[in-house]
Protein backbone atom coordinates (compact mmCIF):
# COMPACT_ATOMS: atom_id res chain seq x y z
CA MET A 1 91.38 95.93 84.43
CA ILE A 2 94.23 93.90 85.91
CA ARG A 3 97.07 93.14 83.50
CA ILE A 4 99.95 90.83 84.40
CA GLU A 5 102.85 90.34 82.00
CA HIS A 6 105.62 87.72 82.39
CA LEU A 7 105.46 87.82 86.20
CA THR A 8 108.05 85.86 88.18
CA LYS A 9 108.68 85.72 91.93
CA ARG A 10 111.46 83.63 93.45
CA PHE A 11 112.15 82.68 97.05
CA ASP A 12 115.80 81.63 97.14
CA THR A 13 115.98 78.95 94.42
CA VAL A 14 112.22 78.25 94.24
CA ASP A 15 110.09 79.89 91.54
CA ALA A 16 106.83 80.52 93.42
CA VAL A 17 105.35 82.26 90.36
CA LYS A 18 107.02 81.73 86.98
CA ASP A 19 106.32 83.73 83.81
CA VAL A 20 102.60 84.29 84.49
CA SER A 21 100.67 86.49 82.06
CA LEU A 22 96.95 87.22 82.22
CA GLU A 23 94.41 89.96 81.78
CA ILE A 24 91.29 90.31 83.92
CA PRO A 25 88.75 92.73 82.43
CA GLU A 26 86.79 95.08 84.69
CA GLY A 27 83.63 93.53 86.13
CA ILE A 28 84.83 89.93 85.75
CA MET A 29 85.42 87.63 88.73
CA TYR A 30 88.23 85.07 88.55
CA GLY A 31 89.18 82.22 90.85
CA LEU A 32 92.61 80.70 91.32
CA LEU A 33 92.76 76.93 91.60
CA GLY A 34 95.80 74.87 92.40
CA THR A 35 97.50 72.60 94.89
CA ASN A 36 99.25 73.87 98.00
CA GLY A 37 102.44 75.63 96.97
CA ALA A 38 101.23 76.35 93.43
CA GLY A 39 101.69 80.12 93.87
CA LYS A 40 98.09 81.31 94.28
CA SER A 41 98.67 83.33 97.46
CA THR A 42 101.99 84.64 96.17
CA LEU A 43 100.26 85.89 93.00
CA LEU A 44 97.59 87.66 95.08
CA ARG A 45 100.26 89.23 97.32
CA LEU A 46 102.08 90.44 94.22
CA ILE A 47 98.90 91.97 92.76
CA ALA A 48 98.13 93.66 96.10
CA GLY A 49 101.62 95.17 96.19
CA ILE A 50 102.62 93.30 99.35
CA LEU A 51 105.46 91.53 97.55
CA GLN A 52 107.65 92.90 94.78
CA ALA A 53 108.05 90.83 91.63
CA ASP A 54 111.52 89.72 90.54
CA GLU A 55 110.50 90.01 86.89
CA GLY A 56 107.48 91.14 84.94
CA ARG A 57 104.81 93.80 85.41
CA ILE A 58 101.46 94.15 87.16
CA GLU A 59 99.04 96.95 86.32
CA ILE A 60 95.64 97.80 87.77
CA GLU A 61 93.79 100.36 85.65
CA GLY A 62 97.07 101.04 83.83
CA ASP A 63 99.11 101.85 86.96
CA SER A 64 101.94 99.81 88.42
CA CYS A 65 101.08 98.79 92.00
CA TYR A 66 104.10 97.99 94.16
CA ASP A 67 104.98 101.59 95.16
CA ASN A 68 101.65 103.18 94.28
CA PRO A 69 99.10 103.78 97.10
CA LYS A 70 96.41 104.87 94.59
CA CYS A 71 96.73 101.56 92.75
CA LYS A 72 96.85 99.55 96.00
CA SER A 73 93.54 101.10 97.05
CA CYS A 74 91.86 99.35 94.08
CA PHE A 75 92.71 95.84 95.32
CA PHE A 76 92.09 94.12 98.66
CA TYR A 77 93.82 90.96 99.81
CA LEU A 78 92.72 89.04 102.91
CA PRO A 79 95.12 86.18 103.68
CA ASP A 80 94.06 82.76 104.99
CA THR A 81 95.69 83.48 108.34
CA PRO A 82 95.70 87.25 108.86
CA TYR A 83 97.89 88.71 111.58
CA TYR A 84 96.14 90.67 114.31
CA PHE A 85 97.85 92.54 117.10
CA PRO A 86 97.20 90.61 120.34
CA ASN A 87 95.77 93.64 122.19
CA GLY A 88 94.01 95.07 119.15
CA SER A 89 90.35 95.98 118.96
CA ILE A 90 87.88 96.43 116.11
CA PHE A 91 88.83 100.12 116.18
CA CYS A 92 92.47 99.14 115.73
CA PHE A 93 91.72 96.85 112.81
CA PHE A 94 89.49 99.19 110.79
CA ILE A 95 91.07 102.55 111.60
CA ILE A 96 94.74 101.91 112.34
CA PHE A 97 95.44 98.88 110.12
CA PRO A 98 95.36 100.76 106.76
CA PHE A 99 97.84 103.24 108.25
CA LEU A 100 100.29 100.40 108.89
CA GLN A 101 101.15 100.16 105.21
CA SER A 102 103.38 103.21 105.72
CA VAL A 103 104.84 102.56 109.21
CA SER A 104 106.85 99.79 110.81
CA VAL A 105 105.16 96.89 112.58
CA ASP A 106 106.62 98.00 115.93
CA ILE A 107 105.07 101.47 115.65
CA GLY A 108 101.78 99.94 114.49
CA PHE A 109 101.75 97.62 117.49
CA LEU A 110 102.27 100.56 119.85
CA LEU A 111 99.47 102.51 118.16
CA CYS A 112 97.06 99.58 118.52
CA VAL A 113 97.96 99.02 122.15
CA TYR A 114 97.60 102.74 122.89
CA TRP A 115 94.36 103.35 120.95
CA GLY A 116 92.93 99.82 120.91
């Protein structure tokens, strides 16, 4: 189950997500609808633990996700325009990319160039 309580994320003075609360039971598929800039992608990035919320709480299976690799492994987020390393290969994407969550982008780039 995904539980979100009073979630808020601000970028400077703009509230990208403001006081969102919802509960998604296990086995249920939800869709997010809204205009550009409504906060859909920001909400997904927050759930995936890519961004940290300014206020509120997100739990997946009862665990907070931002600093929790176990929780992050339960959720996958694929952005509209994913970033790929220019010299990367399929090997780089599927083997090295998950490792990049714990290293800097510069080190990840070097790994992909070396092994890709």
